[in-house]
Amino acid sequence: MGSDYDIVNIIQLNNGERKYGLLLKRDSVAENPHWEFVPFDRLKSYFSSKNRELIEQVPISMIKYVDRVHV
């Protein structure tokens, strides 16, 4: 991934909400299956600190689809 964050993931949730950022990994064998996701506004902080508190866990059951865009 480049320093300009040229790849962004869009998560479309079942309720119509969209989230923009970077998907890190999918954990489908956990008790509560989820994607680990860093919102776009937290990317710089996450890459400089690797602070796990900046990561959201988005339950797979709430996700309608995931798309990748180049910006």
PDB file of N, CA and C in Angstrom:
ATOM      1  N   MET A   1       0.842  -1.171   0.000  1.00  0.00           N
ATOM      2  CA  MET A   1       0.000   0.000   0.000  1.00  0.00           C
ATOM      3  C   MET A   1       0.882   1.227   0.000  1.00  0.00           C
ATOM      4  N   GLY A   2       0.567   2.173  -0.879  1.00  0.00           N
ATOM      5  CA  GLY A   2       1.371   3.367  -0.976  1.00  0.00           C
ATOM      6  C   GLY A   2       1.105   4.342   0.147  1.00  0.00           C
ATOM      7  N   SER A   3       1.962   5.326   0.230  1.00  0.00           N
ATOM      8  CA  SER A   3       1.815   6.299   1.301  1.00  0.00           C
ATOM      9  C   SER A   3       0.587   7.180   1.117  1.00  0.00           C
ATOM     10  N   ASP A   4       0.032   7.211  -0.090  1.00  0.00           N
ATOM     11  CA  ASP A   4      -1.151   8.023  -0.350  1.00  0.00           C
ATOM     12  C   ASP A   4      -2.443   7.255  -0.115  1.00  0.00           C
ATOM     13  N   TYR A   5      -2.360   6.025   0.385  1.00  0.00           N
ATOM     14  CA  TYR A   5      -3.532   5.191   0.631  1.00  0.00           C
ATOM     15  C   TYR A   5      -4.372   5.081  -0.635  1.00  0.00           C
ATOM     16  N   ASP A   6      -3.747   4.557  -1.698  1.00  0.00           N
ATOM     17  CA  ASP A   6      -4.394   4.521  -2.996  1.00  0.00           C
ATOM     18  C   ASP A   6      -5.454   3.435  -3.131  1.00  0.00           C
ATOM     19  N   ILE A   7      -5.547   2.516  -2.188  1.00  0.00           N
ATOM     20  CA  ILE A   7      -6.606   1.507  -2.202  1.00  0.00           C
ATOM     21  C   ILE A   7      -7.465   1.701  -0.964  1.00  0.00           C
ATOM     22  N   VAL A   8      -8.753   1.830  -1.181  1.00  0.00           N
ATOM     23  CA  VAL A   8      -9.703   2.013  -0.087  1.00  0.00           C
ATOM     24  C   VAL A   8     -10.776   0.945  -0.212  1.00  0.00           C
ATOM     25  N   ASN A   9     -11.162   0.364   0.900  1.00  0.00           N
ATOM     26  CA  ASN A   9     -12.267  -0.585   0.903  1.00  0.00           C
ATOM     27  C   ASN A   9     -13.536   0.143   1.317  1.00  0.00           C
ATOM     28  N   ILE A  10     -14.624  -0.199   0.656  1.00  0.00           N
ATOM     29  CA  ILE A  10     -15.943   0.301   1.025  1.00  0.00           C
ATOM     30  C   ILE A  10     -16.723  -0.894   1.544  1.00  0.00           C
ATOM     31  N   ILE A  11     -17.230  -0.766   2.751  1.00  0.00           N
ATOM     32  CA  ILE A  11     -18.072  -1.809   3.321  1.00  0.00           C
ATOM     33  C   ILE A  11     -19.498  -1.284   3.307  1.00  0.00           C
ATOM     34  N   GLN A  12     -20.359  -1.971   2.573  1.00  0.00           N
ATOM     35  CA  GLN A  12     -21.781  -1.633   2.566  1.00  0.00           C
ATOM     36  C   GLN A  12     -22.460  -2.515   3.601  1.00  0.00           C
ATOM     37  N   LEU A  13     -23.035  -1.899   4.628  1.00  0.00           N
ATOM     38  CA  LEU A  13     -23.707  -2.653   5.675  1.00  0.00           C
ATOM     39  C   LEU A  13     -25.157  -2.935   5.291  1.00  0.00           C
ATOM     40  N   ASN A  14     -25.723  -3.930   5.923  1.00  0.00           N
ATOM     41  CA  ASN A  14     -27.109  -4.312   5.650  1.00  0.00           C
ATOM     42  C   ASN A  14     -28.093  -3.177   5.912  1.00  0.00           C
ATOM     43  N   ASN A  15     -27.769  -2.270   6.832  1.00  0.00           N
ATOM     44  CA  ASN A  15     -28.677  -1.162   7.160  1.00  0.00           C
ATOM     45  C   ASN A  15     -28.518   0.040   6.223  1.00  0.00           C
ATOM     46  N   GLY A  16     -27.672  -0.076   5.196  1.00  0.00           N
ATOM     47  CA  GLY A  16     -27.476   0.991   4.222  1.00  0.00           C
ATOM     48  C   GLY A  16     -26.273   1.869   4.492  1.00  0.00           C
ATOM     49  N   GLU A  17     -25.691   1.789   5.676  1.00  0.00           N
ATOM     50  CA  GLU A  17     -24.515   2.593   6.028  1.00  0.00           C
ATOM     51  C   GLU A  17     -23.302   2.099   5.238  1.00  0.00           C
ATOM     52  N   ARG A  18     -22.427   3.031   4.895  1.00  0.00           N
ATOM     53  CA  ARG A  18     -21.164   2.692   4.233  1.00  0.00           C
ATOM     54  C   ARG A  18     -20.013   3.106   5.131  1.00  0.00           C
ATOM     55  N   LYS A  19     -18.989   2.264   5.153  1.00  0.00           N
ATOM     56  CA  LYS A  19     -17.766   2.573   5.889  1.00  0.00           C
ATOM     57  C   LYS A  19     -16.616   2.573   4.889  1.00  0.00           C
ATOM     58  N   TYR A  20     -15.713   3.544   5.022  1.00  0.00           N
ATOM     59  CA  TYR A  20     -14.571   3.667   4.133  1.00  0.00           C
ATOM     60  C   TYR A  20     -13.305   3.490   4.946  1.00  0.00           C
ATOM     61  N   GLY A  21     -12.365   2.720   4.419  1.00  0.00           N
ATOM     62  CA  GLY A  21     -11.109   2.513   5.121  1.00  0.00           C
ATOM     63  C   GLY A  21     -10.357   1.337   4.569  1.00  0.00           C
ATOM     64  N   LEU A  22      -9.686   0.607   5.436  1.00  0.00           N
ATOM     65  CA  LEU A  22      -8.838  -0.503   5.029  1.00  0.00           C
ATOM     66  C   LEU A  22      -9.208  -1.752   5.812  1.00  0.00           C
ATOM     67  N   LEU A  23      -9.518  -2.823   5.083  1.00  0.00           N
ATOM     68  CA  LEU A  23      -9.760  -4.107   5.726  1.00  0.00           C
ATOM     69  C   LEU A  23      -8.415  -4.758   5.997  1.00  0.00           C
ATOM     70  N   LEU A  24      -8.216  -5.231   7.210  1.00  0.00           N
ATOM     71  CA  LEU A  24      -6.949  -5.862   7.569  1.00  0.00           C
ATOM     72  C   LEU A  24      -7.027  -7.372   7.431  1.00  0.00           C
ATOM     73  N   LYS A  25      -8.019  -7.978   8.068  1.00  0.00           N
ATOM     74  CA  LYS A  25      -8.149  -9.433   7.966  1.00  0.00           C
ATOM     75  C   LYS A  25      -9.538  -9.865   8.389  1.00  0.00           C
ATOM     76  N   ARG A  26      -9.884 -11.043   7.924  1.00  0.00           N
ATOM     77  CA  ARG A  26     -11.181 -11.640   8.253  1.00  0.00           C
ATOM     78  C   ARG A  26     -10.943 -12.751   9.252  1.00  0.00           C
ATOM     79  N   ASP A  27     -11.727 -12.768  10.296  1.00  0.00           N
ATOM     80  CA  ASP A  27     -11.654 -13.840  11.283  1.00  0.00           C
ATOM     81  C   ASP A  27     -13.004 -14.542  11.284  1.00  0.00           C
ATOM     82  N   SER A  28     -13.117 -15.587  10.447  1.00  0.00           N
ATOM     83  CA  SER A  28     -14.394 -16.271  10.295  1.00  0.00           C
ATOM     84  C   SER A  28     -14.536 -17.462  11.229  1.00  0.00           C
ATOM     85  N   VAL A  29     -13.478 -17.799  11.974  1.00  0.00           N
ATOM     86  CA  VAL A  29     -13.555 -18.935  12.895  1.00  0.00           C
ATOM     87  C   VAL A  29     -13.721 -18.486  14.347  1.00  0.00           C
ATOM     88  N   ALA A  30     -13.780 -17.185  14.564  1.00  0.00           N
ATOM     89  CA  ALA A  30     -13.977 -16.661  15.921  1.00  0.00           C
ATOM     90  C   ALA A  30     -15.411 -16.924  16.372  1.00  0.00           C
ATOM     91  N   GLU A  31     -15.635 -16.780  17.660  1.00  0.00           N
ATOM     92  CA  GLU A  31     -16.989 -16.946  18.196  1.00  0.00           C
ATOM     93  C   GLU A  31     -17.956 -15.969  17.519  1.00  0.00           C
ATOM     94  N   ASN A  32     -17.505 -14.760  17.295  1.00  0.00           N
ATOM     95  CA  ASN A  32     -18.281 -13.749  16.573  1.00  0.00           C
ATOM     96  C   ASN A  32     -17.501 -13.379  15.307  1.00  0.00           C
ATOM     97  N   PRO A  33     -17.769 -14.047  14.169  1.00  0.00           N
ATOM     98  CA  PRO A  33     -17.008 -13.782  12.936  1.00  0.00           C
ATOM     99  C   PRO A  33     -17.068 -12.298  12.549  1.00  0.00           C
ATOM    100  N   HIS A  34     -15.921 -11.741  12.161  1.00  0.00           N
ATOM    101  CA  HIS A  34     -15.843 -10.319  11.872  1.00  0.00           C
ATOM    102  C   HIS A  34     -14.685 -10.012  10.928  1.00  0.00           C
ATOM    103  N   TRP A  35     -14.701  -8.813  10.377  1.00  0.00           N
ATOM    104  CA  TRP A  35     -13.571  -8.240   9.662  1.00  0.00           C
ATOM    105  C   TRP A  35     -12.919  -7.228  10.593  1.00  0.00           C
ATOM    106  N   GLU A  36     -11.603  -7.162  10.566  1.00  0.00           N
ATOM    107  CA  GLU A  36     -10.893  -6.075  11.251  1.00  0.00           C
ATOM    108  C   GLU A  36     -10.742  -4.947  10.241  1.00  0.00           C
ATOM    109  N   PHE A  37     -11.125  -3.752  10.643  1.00  0.00           N
ATOM    110  CA  PHE A  37     -11.265  -2.623   9.736  1.00  0.00           C
ATOM    111  C   PHE A  37     -10.716  -1.358  10.380  1.00  0.00           C
ATOM    112  N   VAL A  38      -9.925  -0.593   9.622  1.00  0.00           N
ATOM    113  CA  VAL A  38      -9.421   0.700  10.095  1.00  0.00           C
ATOM    114  C   VAL A  38     -10.117   1.783   9.272  1.00  0.00           C
ATOM    115  N   PRO A  39     -10.946   2.621   9.905  1.00  0.00           N
ATOM    116  CA  PRO A  39     -11.621   3.700   9.178  1.00  0.00           C
ATOM    117  C   PRO A  39     -10.608   4.648   8.538  1.00  0.00           C
ATOM    118  N   PHE A  40     -10.997   5.219   7.404  1.00  0.00           N
ATOM    119  CA  PHE A  40     -10.112   6.076   6.625  1.00  0.00           C
ATOM    120  C   PHE A  40      -9.501   7.197   7.464  1.00  0.00           C
ATOM    121  N   ASP A  41     -10.280   7.795   8.372  1.00  0.00           N
ATOM    122  CA  ASP A  41      -9.766   8.923   9.159  1.00  0.00           C
ATOM    123  C   ASP A  41      -8.764   8.500  10.233  1.00  0.00           C
ATOM    124  N   ARG A  42      -8.590   7.203  10.433  1.00  0.00           N
ATOM    125  CA  ARG A  42      -7.636   6.713  11.439  1.00  0.00           C
ATOM    126  C   ARG A  42      -6.401   6.049  10.822  1.00  0.00           C
ATOM    127  N   LEU A  43      -6.315   6.005   9.489  1.00  0.00           N
ATOM    128  CA  LEU A  43      -5.230   5.268   8.836  1.00  0.00           C
ATOM    129  C   LEU A  43      -3.841   5.790   9.190  1.00  0.00           C
ATOM    130  N   LYS A  44      -3.640   7.098   9.110  1.00  0.00           N
ATOM    131  CA  LYS A  44      -2.310   7.650   9.418  1.00  0.00           C
ATOM    132  C   LYS A  44      -1.890   7.301  10.835  1.00  0.00           C
ATOM    133  N   SER A  45      -2.800   7.465  11.785  1.00  0.00           N
ATOM    134  CA  SER A  45      -2.483   7.150  13.175  1.00  0.00           C
ATOM    135  C   SER A  45      -2.184   5.667  13.340  1.00  0.00           C
ATOM    136  N   TYR A  46      -2.969   4.818  12.667  1.00  0.00           N
ATOM    137  CA  TYR A  46      -2.763   3.377  12.798  1.00  0.00           C
ATOM    138  C   TYR A  46      -1.407   2.969  12.228  1.00  0.00           C
ATOM    139  N   PHE A  47      -1.057   3.463  11.033  1.00  0.00           N
ATOM    140  CA  PHE A  47       0.209   3.063  10.421  1.00  0.00           C
ATOM    141  C   PHE A  47       1.418   3.583  11.181  1.00  0.00           C
ATOM    142  N   SER A  48       1.278   4.714  11.850  1.00  0.00           N
ATOM    143  CA  SER A  48       2.427   5.229  12.597  1.00  0.00           C
ATOM    144  C   SER A  48       2.549   4.598  13.982  1.00  0.00           C
ATOM    145  N   SER A  49       1.429   4.136  14.557  1.00  0.00           N
ATOM    146  CA  SER A  49       1.487   3.626  15.927  1.00  0.00           C
ATOM    147  C   SER A  49       1.195   2.128  16.052  1.00  0.00           C
ATOM    148  N   LYS A  50       0.498   1.542  15.067  1.00  0.00           N
ATOM    149  CA  LYS A  50       0.033   0.144  15.131  1.00  0.00           C
ATOM    150  C   LYS A  50      -0.834  -0.101  16.364  1.00  0.00           C
ATOM    151  N   ASN A  51      -1.514   0.942  16.811  1.00  0.00           N
ATOM    152  CA  ASN A  51      -2.391   0.873  17.978  1.00  0.00           C
ATOM    153  C   ASN A  51      -3.634   0.058  17.634  1.00  0.00           C
ATOM    154  N   ARG A  52      -3.808  -1.090  18.267  1.00  0.00           N
ATOM    155  CA  ARG A  52      -4.930  -1.989  17.987  1.00  0.00           C
ATOM    156  C   ARG A  52      -6.272  -1.374  18.392  1.00  0.00           C
ATOM    157  N   GLU A  53      -6.264  -0.355  19.225  1.00  0.00           N
ATOM    158  CA  GLU A  53      -7.505   0.296  19.626  1.00  0.00           C
ATOM    159  C   GLU A  53      -8.139   1.097  18.487  1.00  0.00           C
ATOM    160  N   LEU A  54      -7.399   1.360  17.426  1.00  0.00           N
ATOM    161  CA  LEU A  54      -7.920   2.091  16.276  1.00  0.00           C
ATOM    162  C   LEU A  54      -8.671   1.177  15.304  1.00  0.00           C
ATOM    163  N   ILE A  55      -8.623  -0.128  15.548  1.00  0.00           N
ATOM    164  CA  ILE A  55      -9.253  -1.112  14.675  1.00  0.00           C
ATOM    165  C   ILE A  55     -10.678  -1.375  15.143  1.00  0.00           C
ATOM    166  N   GLU A  56     -11.614  -1.358  14.195  1.00  0.00           N
ATOM    167  CA  GLU A  56     -13.003  -1.727  14.483  1.00  0.00           C
ATOM    168  C   GLU A  56     -13.199  -3.181  14.096  1.00  0.00           C
ATOM    169  N   GLN A  57     -14.037  -3.871  14.813  1.00  0.00           N
ATOM    170  CA  GLN A  57     -14.439  -5.220  14.428  1.00  0.00           C
ATOM    171  C   GLN A  57     -15.857  -5.123  13.878  1.00  0.00           C
ATOM    172  N   VAL A  58     -15.988  -5.371  12.571  1.00  0.00           N
ATOM    173  CA  VAL A  58     -17.281  -5.296  11.911  1.00  0.00           C
ATOM    174  C   VAL A  58     -17.796  -6.717  11.724  1.00  0.00           C
ATOM    175  N   PRO A  59     -18.895  -7.078  12.388  1.00  0.00           N
ATOM    176  CA  PRO A  59     -19.416  -8.435  12.270  1.00  0.00           C
ATOM    177  C   PRO A  59     -19.770  -8.786  10.823  1.00  0.00           C
ATOM    178  N   ILE A  60     -19.370  -9.973  10.397  1.00  0.00           N
ATOM    179  CA  ILE A  60     -19.632 -10.419   9.032  1.00  0.00           C
ATOM    180  C   ILE A  60     -21.134 -10.425   8.746  1.00  0.00           C
ATOM    181  N   SER A  61     -21.938 -10.744   9.729  1.00  0.00           N
ATOM    182  CA  SER A  61     -23.392 -10.803   9.535  1.00  0.00           C
ATOM    183  C   SER A  61     -23.998  -9.439   9.207  1.00  0.00           C
ATOM    184  N   MET A  62     -23.284  -8.344   9.505  1.00  0.00           N
ATOM    185  CA  MET A  62     -23.789  -6.993   9.231  1.00  0.00           C
ATOM    186  C   MET A  62     -23.374  -6.480   7.852  1.00  0.00           C
ATOM    187  N   ILE A  63     -22.489  -7.212   7.163  1.00  0.00           N
ATOM    188  CA  ILE A  63     -21.920  -6.739   5.903  1.00  0.00           C
ATOM    189  C   ILE A  63     -22.715  -7.284   4.716  1.00  0.00           C
ATOM    190  N   LYS A  64     -23.169  -6.358   3.877  1.00  0.00           N
ATOM    191  CA  LYS A  64     -23.869  -6.749   2.657  1.00  0.00           C
ATOM    192  C   LYS A  64     -22.856  -7.091   1.567  1.00  0.00           C
ATOM    193  N   TYR A  65     -21.872  -6.203   1.358  1.00  0.00           N
ATOM    194  CA  TYR A  65     -20.784  -6.486   0.419  1.00  0.00           C
ATOM    195  C   TYR A  65     -19.594  -5.593   0.727  1.00  0.00           C
ATOM    196  N   VAL A  66     -18.450  -5.972   0.153  1.00  0.00           N
ATOM    197  CA  VAL A  66     -17.211  -5.214   0.292  1.00  0.00           C
ATOM    198  C   VAL A  66     -16.713  -4.910  -1.110  1.00  0.00           C
ATOM    199  N   ASP A  67     -16.271  -3.693  -1.333  1.00  0.00           N
ATOM    200  CA  ASP A  67     -15.752  -3.297  -2.636  1.00  0.00           C
ATOM    201  C   ASP A  67     -14.404  -2.607  -2.418  1.00  0.00           C
ATOM    202  N   ARG A  68     -13.565  -2.668  -3.398  1.00  0.00           N
ATOM    203  CA  ARG A  68     -12.254  -2.015  -3.350  1.00  0.00           C
ATOM    204  C   ARG A  68     -12.196  -0.980  -4.442  1.00  0.00           C
ATOM    205  N   VAL A  69     -11.761   0.211  -4.095  1.00  0.00           N
ATOM    206  CA  VAL A  69     -11.634   1.289  -5.084  1.00  0.00           C
ATOM    207  C   VAL A  69     -10.230   1.857  -5.033  1.00  0.00           C
ATOM    208  N   HIS A  70      -9.775   2.359  -6.165  1.00  0.00           N
ATOM    209  CA  HIS A  70      -8.497   3.059  -6.241  1.00  0.00           C
ATOM    210  C   HIS A  70      -8.803   4.541  -6.287  1.00  0.00           C
ATOM    211  N   VAL A  71      -8.208   5.286  -5.367  1.00  0.00           N
ATOM    212  CA  VAL A  71      -8.473   6.730  -5.302  1.00  0.00           C
ATOM    213  C   VAL A  71      -7.267   7.525  -5.708  1.00  0.00           C
TER     214      VAL A  71
END
